[in-house]
């Protein structure tokens, strides 16, 4: 007869089940938030005092931000199936640069680009693949907001398109052995350790890879995404 489980026994839950639970929980909470939003809109119509109207407005803004945060969390957990098309590698990187300049202008000004791309084409879902590279930039500047410069490189090596992000990191003690494979391990306010896992899933869904290594000689963290060049 097996021993009774002790309070220290922890269940092993497959990652797809965790994703399913979090997305369902987020859906349920958003339904409740929608009800709060309707009630606050009704209150806004009833209230005549300017100060109270201002408070109701702030309440609605807070509810809206919570809903947006849940949507971002759900997106970070999603494992979308790419709808691939033939797309120029050079155009893809140009799209990333434009999106980065629009969404993170201060960060974009700190990026030095080294590109060696010709007329090669990729078979990618441009929007989903773009998200992976943008997540790397966002992650870099989130952890090192005062960094002066980071370097982005893109080139073709044989049958592979390669993108690398080089981040200066004087102190770096983490292992890169399971980079992008440890969701929920490193948590902070508003961040749940899902970004790098999402990058990996996107790269692998396109038949590519994602990895990182730390160069101690130059104190640089190098993140690398590879995608296969289209066979045309």
Protein backbone atom coordinates (compact mmCIF):
# COMPACT_ATOMS: atom_id res chain seq x y z
CA UNK A 1 0.00 0.00 0.00
CA UNK A 2 1.41 3.39 -0.94
CA UNK A 3 1.99 6.00 1.72
CA UNK A 4 -0.53 8.78 2.10
CA UNK A 5 0.62 11.95 0.36
CA UNK A 6 2.15 14.50 2.69
CA UNK A 7 1.36 18.22 2.57
CA UNK A 8 4.70 18.76 0.83
CA UNK A 9 3.69 16.66 -2.18
CA UNK A 10 3.15 19.03 -5.11
CA UNK A 11 1.10 18.03 -8.17
CA UNK A 12 2.82 18.01 -11.54
CA UNK A 13 0.59 19.90 -13.93
CA UNK A 14 1.35 19.80 -17.68
CA UNK A 15 2.03 23.24 -19.17
CA UNK A 16 -0.97 23.10 -21.57
CA UNK A 17 -3.24 22.61 -18.54
CA UNK A 18 -1.71 25.63 -16.82
CA UNK A 19 -2.31 27.70 -19.94
CA UNK A 20 -5.90 26.48 -20.19
CA UNK A 21 -6.55 27.34 -16.54
CA UNK A 22 -5.05 30.84 -16.72
CA UNK A 23 -6.93 31.69 -19.90
CA UNK A 24 -10.23 30.47 -18.46
CA UNK A 25 -9.59 32.40 -15.24
CA UNK A 26 -8.80 35.52 -17.24
CA UNK A 27 -11.99 35.08 -19.28
CA UNK A 28 -14.09 34.76 -16.10
CA UNK A 29 -12.50 37.81 -14.50
CA UNK A 30 -13.00 39.89 -17.64
CA UNK A 31 -16.71 38.99 -17.58
CA UNK A 32 -16.89 40.37 -14.03
CA UNK A 33 -14.95 43.45 -15.06
CA UNK A 34 -17.42 44.06 -17.89
CA UNK A 35 -20.22 44.04 -15.31
CA UNK A 36 -18.28 46.55 -13.18
CA UNK A 37 -17.74 48.73 -16.25
CA UNK A 38 -21.49 48.75 -17.00
CA UNK A 39 -22.30 49.69 -13.41
CA UNK A 40 -19.70 52.45 -13.35
CA UNK A 41 -21.06 53.83 -16.65
CA UNK A 42 -24.52 53.90 -15.07
CA UNK A 43 -23.14 55.66 -11.99
CA UNK A 44 -21.48 58.25 -14.22
CA UNK A 45 -24.89 59.12 -15.70
CA UNK A 46 -26.48 59.45 -12.26
CA UNK A 47 -23.75 61.51 -10.60
CA UNK A 48 -23.83 65.27 -11.03
CA UNK A 49 -21.08 66.32 -8.63
CA UNK A 50 -17.91 67.06 -10.70
CA UNK A 51 -15.59 65.55 -8.08
CA UNK A 52 -17.58 62.33 -7.91
CA UNK A 53 -17.70 62.18 -11.71
CA UNK A 54 -13.90 62.38 -11.70
CA UNK A 55 -13.70 59.50 -9.23
CA UNK A 56 -16.03 57.36 -11.34
CA UNK A 57 -13.91 58.13 -14.40
CA UNK A 58 -10.77 57.00 -12.58
CA UNK A 59 -12.58 53.83 -11.49
CA UNK A 60 -13.47 53.04 -15.09
CA UNK A 61 -9.87 53.64 -16.16
CA UNK A 62 -8.60 51.22 -13.51
CA UNK A 63 -11.09 48.56 -14.59
CA UNK A 64 -10.05 49.06 -18.21
CA UNK A 65 -6.35 48.66 -17.35
CA UNK A 66 -7.01 45.43 -15.44
CA UNK A 67 -8.85 44.07 -18.46
CA UNK A 68 -6.01 45.09 -20.77
CA UNK A 69 -3.48 43.40 -18.46
CA UNK A 70 -5.47 40.16 -18.59
CA UNK A 71 -5.58 40.33 -22.38
CA UNK A 72 -1.80 40.80 -22.51
CA UNK A 73 -1.37 37.82 -20.21
CA UNK A 74 -3.61 35.69 -22.40
CA UNK A 75 -1.64 36.76 -25.50
CA UNK A 76 1.65 35.85 -23.80
CA UNK A 77 0.31 32.36 -23.13
CA UNK A 78 -1.12 31.78 -26.57
CA UNK A 79 0.43 29.31 -28.98
CA UNK A 80 -0.80 30.59 -32.30
CA UNK A 81 -0.43 28.57 -35.48
CA UNK A 82 1.39 30.75 -38.02
CA UNK A 83 -0.27 31.47 -41.35
CA UNK A 84 2.95 31.58 -43.33
CA UNK A 85 3.62 33.47 -46.54
CA UNK A 86 6.77 34.18 -48.54
CA UNK A 87 8.25 37.35 -47.09
CA UNK A 88 11.48 39.17 -47.77
CA UNK A 89 13.97 38.86 -44.87
CA UNK A 90 15.06 42.47 -45.44
CA UNK A 91 11.45 43.69 -45.37
CA UNK A 92 10.81 41.68 -42.21
CA UNK A 93 13.67 43.37 -40.38
CA UNK A 94 12.56 46.76 -41.72
CA UNK A 95 9.08 46.09 -40.29
CA UNK A 96 10.62 45.27 -36.90
CA UNK A 97 12.67 48.49 -36.93
CA UNK A 98 9.64 50.62 -37.79
CA UNK A 99 7.47 48.97 -35.13
CA UNK A 100 10.22 49.35 -32.52
CA UNK A 101 10.61 53.06 -33.35
CA UNK A 102 6.85 53.54 -33.01
CA UNK A 103 6.28 51.56 -29.81
CA UNK A 104 9.58 52.18 -27.98
CA UNK A 105 11.13 55.31 -29.51
CA UNK A 106 13.59 55.92 -26.66
CA UNK A 107 14.78 52.33 -26.80
CA UNK A 108 14.97 52.31 -30.60
CA UNK A 109 17.41 55.24 -30.47
CA UNK A 110 19.82 53.06 -28.45
CA UNK A 111 19.93 50.20 -30.98
CA UNK A 112 22.84 49.87 -33.39
CA UNK A 113 21.98 47.69 -36.38
CA UNK A 114 24.34 45.51 -38.42
CA UNK A 115 22.53 43.99 -41.38
CA UNK A 116 23.76 41.72 -44.15
CA UNK A 117 20.65 40.75 -46.04
CA UNK A 118 20.02 40.36 -49.74
CA UNK A 119 16.95 39.12 -51.57
CA UNK A 120 16.39 36.01 -49.45
CA UNK A 121 12.85 35.16 -48.48
CA UNK A 122 11.37 33.56 -45.39
CA UNK A 123 8.21 31.50 -44.96
CA UNK A 124 6.74 33.27 -41.94
CA UNK A 125 3.65 34.79 -40.44
CA UNK A 126 5.06 38.35 -40.44
CA UNK A 127 3.05 39.67 -37.50
CA UNK A 128 3.68 36.70 -35.22
CA UNK A 129 7.37 36.48 -36.12
CA UNK A 130 7.71 40.23 -35.64
CA UNK A 131 6.33 39.88 -32.13
CA UNK A 132 9.14 37.49 -31.20
CA UNK A 133 11.90 39.95 -32.07
CA UNK A 134 10.09 42.88 -30.49
CA UNK A 135 9.71 40.85 -27.29
CA UNK A 136 13.49 40.47 -27.16
CA UNK A 137 13.95 44.24 -27.35
CA UNK A 138 11.24 44.87 -24.74
CA UNK A 139 12.79 42.28 -22.43
CA UNK A 140 16.25 43.81 -22.84
CA UNK A 141 15.18 47.34 -21.97
CA UNK A 142 12.88 46.19 -19.18
CA UNK A 143 15.79 44.61 -17.31
CA UNK A 144 18.39 47.24 -18.26
CA UNK A 145 16.50 50.55 -18.67
CA UNK A 146 19.69 52.63 -18.35
CA UNK A 147 21.67 50.72 -20.95
CA UNK A 148 23.43 53.09 -23.36
CA UNK A 149 23.51 50.85 -26.43
CA UNK A 150 22.56 47.37 -27.61
CA UNK A 151 23.45 45.80 -30.93
CA UNK A 152 21.09 43.99 -33.29
CA UNK A 153 22.46 41.84 -36.10
CA UNK A 154 20.73 40.01 -38.93
CA UNK A 155 22.30 37.95 -41.70
CA UNK A 156 21.93 34.74 -43.68
CA UNK A 157 24.17 31.74 -43.09
CA UNK A 158 23.54 28.98 -45.59
CA UNK A 159 19.90 27.96 -45.25
CA UNK A 160 19.30 29.98 -42.07
CA UNK A 161 18.24 33.55 -41.37
CA UNK A 162 19.89 34.60 -38.11
CA UNK A 163 18.94 37.45 -35.79
CA UNK A 164 21.06 38.27 -32.75
CA UNK A 165 20.59 40.80 -29.98
CA UNK A 166 23.73 41.71 -28.01
CA UNK A 167 23.06 43.20 -24.57
CA UNK A 168 25.85 44.47 -22.30
CA UNK A 169 25.51 42.86 -18.86
CA UNK A 170 28.34 43.36 -16.39
CA UNK A 171 26.72 41.11 -13.79
CA UNK A 172 24.94 38.03 -15.10
CA UNK A 173 24.65 34.90 -12.98
CA UNK A 174 21.78 33.04 -14.62
CA UNK A 175 22.24 29.90 -16.66
CA UNK A 176 21.27 30.05 -20.33
CA UNK A 177 20.95 26.27 -20.66
CA UNK A 178 17.14 26.36 -20.55
CA UNK A 179 16.70 29.87 -21.93
CA UNK A 180 13.09 30.41 -22.96
CA UNK A 181 12.00 27.15 -21.32
CA UNK A 182 11.27 28.34 -17.78
CA UNK A 183 7.95 30.23 -17.85
CA UNK A 184 6.72 31.63 -14.53
CA UNK A 185 10.08 31.14 -12.85
CA UNK A 186 11.26 34.76 -12.73
CA UNK A 187 8.45 37.06 -11.62
CA UNK A 188 8.18 40.79 -10.95
CA UNK A 189 5.37 43.32 -10.77
CA UNK A 190 3.39 43.09 -14.01
CA UNK A 191 5.79 40.56 -15.52
CA UNK A 192 5.39 36.80 -15.28
CA UNK A 193 8.38 35.26 -17.02
CA UNK A 194 6.43 34.42 -20.17
CA UNK A 195 8.08 36.58 -22.82
CA UNK A 196 11.11 34.45 -23.64
CA UNK A 197 8.99 31.30 -23.63
CA UNK A 198 6.74 32.98 -26.19
CA UNK A 199 9.75 33.89 -28.33
CA UNK A 200 10.86 30.25 -28.33
CA UNK A 201 7.40 28.95 -29.21
CA UNK A 202 7.12 31.37 -32.12
CA UNK A 203 10.56 30.48 -33.46
CA UNK A 204 9.89 26.74 -33.20
CA UNK A 205 6.44 27.12 -34.80
CA UNK A 206 8.27 28.54 -37.84
CA UNK A 207 10.74 25.65 -37.89
CA UNK A 208 13.44 27.73 -36.23
CA UNK A 209 15.24 27.90 -32.90
CA UNK A 210 15.82 30.28 -30.01
CA UNK A 211 18.75 30.25 -27.62
CA UNK A 212 21.09 32.53 -25.69
CA UNK A 213 24.62 32.50 -24.36
CA UNK A 214 26.62 34.80 -22.12
CA UNK A 215 30.03 35.91 -23.34
CA UNK A 216 32.01 36.54 -20.16
CA UNK A 217 34.96 37.96 -22.07
CA UNK A 218 32.85 40.89 -23.30
CA UNK A 219 30.14 40.79 -20.59
CA UNK A 220 27.48 40.43 -23.26
CA UNK A 221 24.28 38.41 -23.37
CA UNK A 222 23.64 37.22 -26.92
CA UNK A 223 20.10 36.11 -27.82
CA UNK A 224 19.73 34.32 -31.15
CA UNK A 225 16.68 33.49 -33.26
CA UNK A 226 17.14 31.40 -36.38
CA UNK A 227 14.52 30.89 -39.07
CA UNK A 228 14.83 28.72 -42.19
CA UNK A 229 15.27 30.44 -45.54
CA UNK A 230 12.47 29.59 -47.94
CA UNK A 231 13.30 27.01 -50.61
CA UNK A 232 12.22 28.73 -53.81
